[in-house]
N, C-alpha and C. Protein backbone atom coordinates (compact mmCIF):
# COMPACT_ATOMS: atom_id res chain seq x y z
N MET A 1 -73.83 93.04 167.91
CA MET A 1 -74.25 92.50 169.20
C MET A 1 -75.73 92.81 169.41
N VAL A 2 -76.46 91.83 169.90
CA VAL A 2 -77.89 91.98 170.13
C VAL A 2 -78.12 92.64 171.49
N LYS A 3 -79.00 93.62 171.53
CA LYS A 3 -79.32 94.29 172.79
C LYS A 3 -80.15 93.35 173.66
N GLU A 4 -79.82 93.31 174.94
CA GLU A 4 -80.55 92.46 175.88
C GLU A 4 -81.97 92.97 176.07
N SER A 5 -82.89 92.06 176.22
CA SER A 5 -84.28 92.40 176.50
C SER A 5 -84.36 93.11 177.85
N SER A 6 -85.20 94.12 177.94
CA SER A 6 -85.32 94.85 179.20
C SER A 6 -85.83 93.96 180.32
N VAL A 7 -86.72 93.04 180.02
CA VAL A 7 -87.22 92.15 181.07
C VAL A 7 -86.11 91.23 181.56
N LEU A 8 -85.24 90.76 180.68
CA LEU A 8 -84.10 89.95 181.11
C LEU A 8 -83.19 90.76 182.02
N ASN A 9 -82.95 92.00 181.65
CA ASN A 9 -82.12 92.88 182.48
C ASN A 9 -82.75 93.11 183.84
N GLU A 10 -84.04 93.39 183.87
CA GLU A 10 -84.73 93.64 185.14
C GLU A 10 -84.64 92.42 186.06
N ILE A 11 -84.94 91.26 185.52
CA ILE A 11 -84.94 90.04 186.34
C ILE A 11 -83.54 89.70 186.80
N SER A 12 -82.56 89.75 185.89
CA SER A 12 -81.20 89.39 186.28
C SER A 12 -80.62 90.38 187.29
N ASN A 13 -80.93 91.67 187.15
CA ASN A 13 -80.49 92.65 188.14
C ASN A 13 -81.13 92.40 189.49
N PHE A 14 -82.41 92.07 189.50
CA PHE A 14 -83.11 91.76 190.74
C PHE A 14 -82.48 90.57 191.44
N ILE A 15 -82.26 89.50 190.70
CA ILE A 15 -81.67 88.29 191.28
C ILE A 15 -80.26 88.59 191.80
N ALA A 16 -79.46 89.26 191.01
CA ALA A 16 -78.08 89.57 191.39
C ALA A 16 -78.03 90.41 192.66
N GLY A 17 -78.99 91.30 192.83
CA GLY A 17 -79.00 92.18 193.98
C GLY A 17 -79.42 91.51 195.27
N MET A 18 -80.03 90.35 195.20
CA MET A 18 -80.52 89.68 196.39
C MET A 18 -79.36 89.26 197.31
N ASN A 19 -78.43 88.52 196.79
CA ASN A 19 -77.23 88.11 197.51
C ASN A 19 -76.21 87.71 196.46
N PRO A 20 -75.38 88.64 196.05
CA PRO A 20 -74.46 88.39 194.94
C PRO A 20 -73.62 87.12 195.10
N GLU A 21 -73.14 86.84 196.29
CA GLU A 21 -72.31 85.64 196.49
C GLU A 21 -73.10 84.36 196.24
N LYS A 22 -74.34 84.32 196.72
CA LYS A 22 -75.17 83.13 196.49
C LYS A 22 -75.50 82.97 195.02
N VAL A 23 -75.75 84.08 194.35
CA VAL A 23 -76.05 84.03 192.91
C VAL A 23 -74.86 83.46 192.15
N ILE A 24 -73.68 83.97 192.45
CA ILE A 24 -72.46 83.52 191.77
C ILE A 24 -72.23 82.04 192.00
N ASN A 25 -72.51 81.56 193.20
CA ASN A 25 -72.25 80.16 193.55
C ASN A 25 -73.37 79.20 193.15
N PHE A 26 -74.49 79.75 192.65
CA PHE A 26 -75.61 78.89 192.28
C PHE A 26 -75.22 77.93 191.16
N LYS A 27 -75.65 76.69 191.33
CA LYS A 27 -75.44 75.67 190.30
C LYS A 27 -76.69 74.79 190.28
N ALA A 28 -77.19 74.50 189.11
CA ALA A 28 -78.36 73.63 188.99
C ALA A 28 -78.01 72.24 189.50
N SER A 29 -79.02 71.53 189.94
CA SER A 29 -78.81 70.17 190.45
C SER A 29 -78.29 69.26 189.34
N ASP A 30 -77.66 68.18 189.74
CA ASP A 30 -77.17 67.20 188.77
C ASP A 30 -78.30 66.67 187.90
N SER A 31 -79.46 66.43 188.51
CA SER A 31 -80.58 65.88 187.74
C SER A 31 -81.07 66.90 186.70
N SER A 32 -81.08 68.17 187.04
CA SER A 32 -81.47 69.20 186.07
C SER A 32 -80.46 69.30 184.94
N GLN A 33 -79.18 69.25 185.29
CA GLN A 33 -78.14 69.30 184.26
C GLN A 33 -78.21 68.07 183.35
N ASP A 34 -78.45 66.90 183.95
CA ASP A 34 -78.58 65.68 183.16
C ASP A 34 -79.76 65.77 182.20
N ARG A 35 -80.87 66.31 182.69
CA ARG A 35 -82.06 66.43 181.84
C ARG A 35 -81.80 67.39 180.68
N LEU A 36 -81.14 68.50 180.95
CA LEU A 36 -80.81 69.45 179.89
C LEU A 36 -79.90 68.79 178.85
N GLU A 37 -78.88 68.08 179.29
CA GLU A 37 -77.98 67.40 178.37
C GLU A 37 -78.73 66.36 177.53
N PHE A 38 -79.66 65.65 178.16
CA PHE A 38 -80.47 64.67 177.43
C PHE A 38 -81.28 65.35 176.33
N LEU A 39 -81.95 66.44 176.68
CA LEU A 39 -82.78 67.14 175.70
C LEU A 39 -81.95 67.69 174.55
N LEU A 40 -80.80 68.26 174.86
CA LEU A 40 -79.92 68.80 173.82
C LEU A 40 -79.41 67.69 172.91
N SER A 41 -79.04 66.57 173.51
CA SER A 41 -78.55 65.43 172.73
C SER A 41 -79.65 64.86 171.84
N LYS A 42 -80.83 64.70 172.42
CA LYS A 42 -81.96 64.16 171.66
C LYS A 42 -82.32 65.09 170.51
N GLN A 43 -82.27 66.39 170.75
CA GLN A 43 -82.61 67.37 169.72
C GLN A 43 -81.67 67.24 168.52
N LYS A 44 -80.42 66.92 168.76
CA LYS A 44 -79.45 66.76 167.67
C LYS A 44 -79.71 65.50 166.85
N LYS A 45 -80.24 64.46 167.50
CA LYS A 45 -80.42 63.16 166.85
C LYS A 45 -81.79 62.97 166.23
N GLU A 46 -82.80 63.57 166.85
CA GLU A 46 -84.18 63.37 166.40
C GLU A 46 -85.04 64.54 166.84
N SER A 47 -86.29 64.49 166.47
CA SER A 47 -87.21 65.56 166.86
C SER A 47 -87.64 65.39 168.31
N LEU A 48 -87.78 66.52 168.97
CA LEU A 48 -88.31 66.51 170.33
C LEU A 48 -89.83 66.54 170.28
N LEU A 49 -90.45 65.97 171.29
CA LEU A 49 -91.90 66.12 171.45
C LEU A 49 -92.18 67.57 171.80
N GLU A 50 -93.39 68.03 171.59
CA GLU A 50 -93.73 69.42 171.87
C GLU A 50 -93.43 69.79 173.32
N GLU A 51 -93.79 68.91 174.26
CA GLU A 51 -93.53 69.22 175.67
C GLU A 51 -92.03 69.26 175.96
N GLU A 52 -91.24 68.46 175.25
CA GLU A 52 -89.79 68.49 175.41
C GLU A 52 -89.21 69.79 174.84
N LYS A 53 -89.76 70.24 173.72
CA LYS A 53 -89.32 71.52 173.14
C LYS A 53 -89.58 72.66 174.12
N THR A 54 -90.76 72.66 174.70
CA THR A 54 -91.12 73.69 175.67
C THR A 54 -90.20 73.62 176.88
N GLU A 55 -89.96 72.42 177.37
CA GLU A 55 -89.07 72.24 178.52
C GLU A 55 -87.66 72.76 178.20
N LEU A 56 -87.15 72.43 177.03
CA LEU A 56 -85.82 72.88 176.63
C LEU A 56 -85.79 74.41 176.52
N GLU A 57 -86.81 74.99 175.94
CA GLU A 57 -86.88 76.45 175.86
C GLU A 57 -86.83 77.09 177.24
N HIS A 58 -87.55 76.50 178.19
CA HIS A 58 -87.55 77.02 179.56
C HIS A 58 -86.15 76.92 180.18
N TYR A 59 -85.50 75.78 180.01
CA TYR A 59 -84.13 75.63 180.51
C TYR A 59 -83.23 76.71 179.94
N LEU A 60 -83.32 76.95 178.64
CA LEU A 60 -82.44 77.91 177.99
C LEU A 60 -82.72 79.34 178.44
N ILE A 61 -83.98 79.67 178.63
CA ILE A 61 -84.34 81.00 179.12
C ILE A 61 -83.80 81.21 180.53
N ILE A 62 -84.03 80.23 181.38
CA ILE A 62 -83.56 80.33 182.76
C ILE A 62 -82.04 80.40 182.80
N ASN A 63 -81.38 79.60 181.98
CA ASN A 63 -79.92 79.62 181.92
C ASN A 63 -79.42 81.01 181.54
N ARG A 64 -80.07 81.64 180.60
CA ARG A 64 -79.68 82.99 180.17
C ARG A 64 -79.87 83.99 181.30
N ILE A 65 -81.00 83.92 181.98
CA ILE A 65 -81.27 84.84 183.09
C ILE A 65 -80.25 84.66 184.20
N VAL A 66 -79.98 83.41 184.57
CA VAL A 66 -79.01 83.14 185.64
C VAL A 66 -77.61 83.61 185.22
N GLY A 67 -77.26 83.38 183.97
CA GLY A 67 -75.96 83.85 183.49
C GLY A 67 -75.81 85.36 183.58
N LEU A 68 -76.86 86.07 183.19
CA LEU A 68 -76.84 87.53 183.30
C LEU A 68 -76.77 87.97 184.76
N ALA A 69 -77.53 87.29 185.62
CA ALA A 69 -77.52 87.63 187.04
C ALA A 69 -76.14 87.40 187.64
N LYS A 70 -75.48 86.32 187.25
CA LYS A 70 -74.13 86.05 187.76
C LYS A 70 -73.15 87.13 187.30
N ALA A 71 -73.26 87.55 186.06
CA ALA A 71 -72.37 88.60 185.55
C ALA A 71 -72.59 89.90 186.32
N ARG A 72 -73.83 90.24 186.59
CA ARG A 72 -74.12 91.46 187.33
C ARG A 72 -73.71 91.34 188.79
N ALA A 73 -73.88 90.15 189.36
CA ALA A 73 -73.48 89.92 190.76
C ALA A 73 -71.97 90.09 190.92
N LEU A 74 -71.22 89.63 189.95
CA LEU A 74 -69.76 89.80 190.01
C LEU A 74 -69.38 91.28 190.06
N LYS A 75 -70.10 92.09 189.33
CA LYS A 75 -69.82 93.53 189.32
C LYS A 75 -70.16 94.19 190.65
N MET A 76 -71.08 93.57 191.42
CA MET A 76 -71.52 94.15 192.69
C MET A 76 -70.56 93.84 193.84
N LEU A 77 -69.72 92.85 193.66
CA LEU A 77 -68.80 92.48 194.75
C LEU A 77 -67.60 93.38 194.81
């Protein structure tokens, strides 16, 4: 198992501590989810443009942080 980055832990703990219920219930907008699905699908079929690669990386980083925050928020309830 890979150890979590300390900065990911710090950020996710901070977010989770703000309002655990809101963190748990957070869901990205439909347009954001659609964009992520588009980028993932395009990546499987062809090469992404550099700006698309960067955008996808950002989505994945944020998704990881939010996932960690949700897990920690559940423990706080």
